Amino acid sequence: MALVAYRNLLRSARIAFQGDMNTLFAARAETRKHFEENRNLRVGSEELESALVHAKDVAKFLRENVVQGQAEDEDKYKLRIHEYTERGDNEDIKKGKGKSTLGGTKCCSS
């Protein structure tokens, strides 16, 4: 299970940081470091399950929400949006209007 999560995280980093070797190498090193730190967690333990869920969430976030851009001009950037990038529209934002936050108050109310 941990090996699957590790490979999925590396794959997501490769997708998110394609063409940016410095960031890709840093992401790989950080992934390796965290998995090495958790190497001795017991199979079936709550800590291991939590770490695997975290790895899965990070992989999903990298794959779907990280978009890199490169400056083309002073005011212009070219974004590298790939097939896995999450796309939404303004309708998604409008649906959330009027809902309460975790604190029970509406957004921006005092």
C-alpha atoms as a PDB file:
ATOM      1  CA  MET A   1       0.000   0.000   0.000  1.00  0.00           C
ATOM      2  CA  ALA A   2       2.805   2.428   0.869  1.00  0.00           C
ATOM      3  CA  LEU A   3       4.657   1.620  -2.354  1.00  0.00           C
ATOM      4  CA  VAL A   4       1.549   2.423  -4.385  1.00  0.00           C
ATOM      5  CA  ALA A   5       1.158   5.763  -2.575  1.00  0.00           C
ATOM      6  CA  TYR A   6       4.861   6.544  -3.082  1.00  0.00           C
ATOM      7  CA  ARG A   7       4.747   5.826  -6.814  1.00  0.00           C
ATOM      8  CA  ASN A   8       1.504   7.761  -7.204  1.00  0.00           C
ATOM      9  CA  LEU A   9       3.078  10.767  -5.491  1.00  0.00           C
ATOM     10  CA  LEU A  10       6.168  10.613  -7.730  1.00  0.00           C
ATOM     11  CA  ARG A  11       3.955  10.284 -10.811  1.00  0.00           C
ATOM     12  CA  SER A  12       1.877  13.295  -9.762  1.00  0.00           C
ATOM     13  CA  ALA A  13       5.016  15.367  -9.177  1.00  0.00           C
ATOM     14  CA  ARG A  14       6.287  14.400 -12.636  1.00  0.00           C
ATOM     15  CA  ILE A  15       2.996  15.567 -14.177  1.00  0.00           C
ATOM     16  CA  ALA A  16       2.833  18.811 -12.172  1.00  0.00           C
ATOM     17  CA  PHE A  17       6.474  19.819 -12.636  1.00  0.00           C
ATOM     18  CA  GLN A  18       7.153  18.541 -16.150  1.00  0.00           C
ATOM     19  CA  GLY A  19       9.901  20.618 -17.723  1.00  0.00           C
ATOM     20  CA  ASP A  20      10.980  22.175 -14.405  1.00  0.00           C
ATOM     21  CA  MET A  21      13.789  19.857 -13.368  1.00  0.00           C
ATOM     22  CA  ASN A  22      14.845  21.787 -10.248  1.00  0.00           C
ATOM     23  CA  THR A  23      11.350  21.696  -8.769  1.00  0.00           C
ATOM     24  CA  LEU A  24      10.817  18.086  -9.846  1.00  0.00           C
ATOM     25  CA  PHE A  25      14.042  16.963  -8.151  1.00  0.00           C
ATOM     26  CA  ALA A  26      13.113  18.914  -5.005  1.00  0.00           C
ATOM     27  CA  ALA A  27       9.653  17.305  -4.949  1.00  0.00           C
ATOM     28  CA  ARG A  28      11.169  13.839  -5.373  1.00  0.00           C
ATOM     29  CA  ALA A  29      13.654  14.472  -2.566  1.00  0.00           C
ATOM     30  CA  GLU A  30      10.916  15.757  -0.253  1.00  0.00           C
ATOM     31  CA  THR A  31       8.741  12.737  -1.035  1.00  0.00           C
ATOM     32  CA  ARG A  32      11.619  10.361  -0.374  1.00  0.00           C
ATOM     33  CA  LYS A  33      12.467  12.145   2.894  1.00  0.00           C
ATOM     34  CA  HIS A  34       8.914  11.894   4.251  1.00  0.00           C
ATOM     35  CA  PHE A  35       8.529   8.254   3.285  1.00  0.00           C
ATOM     36  CA  GLU A  36      11.884   7.433   4.914  1.00  0.00           C
ATOM     37  CA  GLU A  37      10.773   9.212   8.105  1.00  0.00           C
ATOM     38  CA  ASN A  38       7.663   7.027   8.208  1.00  0.00           C
ATOM     39  CA  ARG A  39       9.393   3.780   7.231  1.00  0.00           C
ATOM     40  CA  ASN A  40       9.083   2.256  10.710  1.00  0.00           C
ATOM     41  CA  LEU A  41       5.342   2.802  11.150  1.00  0.00           C
ATOM     42  CA  ARG A  42       3.507  -0.415  11.932  1.00  0.00           C
ATOM     43  CA  VAL A  43       1.234  -1.988   9.358  1.00  0.00           C
ATOM     44  CA  GLY A  44      -2.373  -1.308  10.302  1.00  0.00           C
ATOM     45  CA  SER A  45      -1.503   1.529  12.684  1.00  0.00           C
ATOM     46  CA  GLU A  46      -3.524   4.716  12.708  1.00  0.00           C
ATOM     47  CA  GLU A  47      -0.376   6.759  12.020  1.00  0.00           C
ATOM     48  CA  LEU A  48       0.375   4.747   8.876  1.00  0.00           C
ATOM     49  CA  GLU A  49      -3.178   5.095   7.612  1.00  0.00           C
ATOM     50  CA  SER A  50      -3.046   8.842   8.258  1.00  0.00           C
ATOM     51  CA  ALA A  51       0.280   9.148   6.414  1.00  0.00           C
ATOM     52  CA  LEU A  52      -1.070   7.202   3.423  1.00  0.00           C
ATOM     53  CA  VAL A  53      -4.201   9.355   3.248  1.00  0.00           C
ATOM     54  CA  HIS A  54      -1.994  12.456   3.392  1.00  0.00           C
ATOM     55  CA  ALA A  55       0.191  11.118   0.551  1.00  0.00           C
ATOM     56  CA  LYS A  56      -2.915  10.374  -1.525  1.00  0.00           C
ATOM     57  CA  ASP A  57      -4.299  13.883  -0.909  1.00  0.00           C
ATOM     58  CA  VAL A  58      -0.990  15.550  -1.801  1.00  0.00           C
ATOM     59  CA  ALA A  59      -0.739  13.510  -5.010  1.00  0.00           C
ATOM     60  CA  LYS A  60      -4.275  14.510  -5.996  1.00  0.00           C
ATOM     61  CA  PHE A  61      -3.579  18.171  -5.217  1.00  0.00           C
ATOM     62  CA  LEU A  62      -0.351  18.179  -7.247  1.00  0.00           C
ATOM     63  CA  ARG A  63      -1.986  16.483 -10.203  1.00  0.00           C
ATOM     64  CA  GLU A  64      -5.175  18.552 -10.293  1.00  0.00           C
ATOM     65  CA  ASN A  65      -4.396  21.961  -8.786  1.00  0.00           C
ATOM     66  CA  VAL A  66      -0.769  22.878  -9.483  1.00  0.00           C
ATOM     67  CA  VAL A  67      -0.295  24.811 -12.703  1.00  0.00           C
ATOM     68  CA  GLN A  68       3.063  26.254 -13.590  1.00  0.00           C
ATOM     69  CA  GLY A  69       3.529  29.410 -15.582  1.00  0.00           C
ATOM     70  CA  GLN A  70       6.459  30.942 -17.375  1.00  0.00           C
ATOM     71  CA  ALA A  71       6.858  34.642 -18.074  1.00  0.00           C
ATOM     72  CA  GLU A  72       6.677  35.434 -21.765  1.00  0.00           C
ATOM     73  CA  ASP A  73       6.552  39.214 -21.531  1.00  0.00           C
ATOM     74  CA  GLU A  74       6.514  41.680 -18.679  1.00  0.00           C
ATOM     75  CA  ASP A  75       2.758  41.243 -18.120  1.00  0.00           C
ATOM     76  CA  LYS A  76       2.159  37.914 -19.826  1.00  0.00           C
ATOM     77  CA  TYR A  77       2.565  34.338 -18.592  1.00  0.00           C
ATOM     78  CA  LYS A  78       2.133  31.082 -20.436  1.00  0.00           C
ATOM     79  CA  LEU A  79       0.458  28.467 -18.224  1.00  0.00           C
ATOM     80  CA  ARG A  80       1.073  24.754 -18.636  1.00  0.00           C
ATOM     81  CA  ILE A  81      -2.404  23.314 -18.184  1.00  0.00           C
ATOM     82  CA  HIS A  82      -2.430  19.557 -18.697  1.00  0.00           C
ATOM     83  CA  GLU A  83      -5.128  16.930 -19.104  1.00  0.00           C
ATOM     84  CA  TYR A  84      -5.382  16.290 -15.342  1.00  0.00           C
ATOM     85  CA  THR A  85      -5.781  19.950 -14.356  1.00  0.00           C
ATOM     86  CA  GLU A  86      -9.079  20.509 -12.568  1.00  0.00           C
ATOM     87  CA  ARG A  87     -11.231  22.880 -14.504  1.00  0.00           C
ATOM     88  CA  GLY A  88     -14.208  24.700 -13.125  1.00  0.00           C
ATOM     89  CA  ASP A  89     -16.413  27.550 -14.098  1.00  0.00           C
ATOM     90  CA  ASN A  90     -18.036  30.448 -12.320  1.00  0.00           C
ATOM     91  CA  GLU A  91     -21.153  28.352 -11.725  1.00  0.00           C
ATOM     92  CA  ASP A  92     -19.165  26.277  -9.213  1.00  0.00           C
ATOM     93  CA  ILE A  93     -18.393  29.418  -7.244  1.00  0.00           C
ATOM     94  CA  LYS A  94     -21.979  30.696  -7.348  1.00  0.00           C
ATOM     95  CA  LYS A  95     -23.312  27.421  -5.911  1.00  0.00           C
ATOM     96  CA  GLY A  96     -21.405  28.017  -2.680  1.00  0.00           C
ATOM     97  CA  LYS A  97     -22.924  31.438  -1.986  1.00  0.00           C
ATOM     98  CA  GLY A  98     -24.890  31.723   1.204  1.00  0.00           C
ATOM     99  CA  LYS A  99     -23.460  28.622   2.809  1.00  0.00           C
ATOM    100  CA  SER A 100     -22.066  28.821   6.297  1.00  0.00           C
ATOM    101  CA  THR A 101     -18.415  28.363   7.115  1.00  0.00           C
ATOM    102  CA  LEU A 102     -17.074  25.979   9.720  1.00  0.00           C
ATOM    103  CA  GLY A 103     -17.502  28.651  12.370  1.00  0.00           C
ATOM    104  CA  GLY A 104     -21.218  28.891  11.658  1.00  0.00           C
ATOM    105  CA  THR A 105     -21.039  32.449  10.308  1.00  0.00           C
ATOM    106  CA  LYS A 106     -21.262  33.499   6.707  1.00  0.00           C
ATOM    107  CA  CYS A 107     -18.153  34.542   4.866  1.00  0.00           C
ATOM    108  CA  CYS A 108     -16.927  38.073   5.482  1.00  0.00           C
ATOM    109  CA  SER A 109     -19.509  38.802   8.183  1.00  0.00           C
ATOM    110  CA  SER A 110     -18.350  40.492  11.349  1.00  0.00           C
END
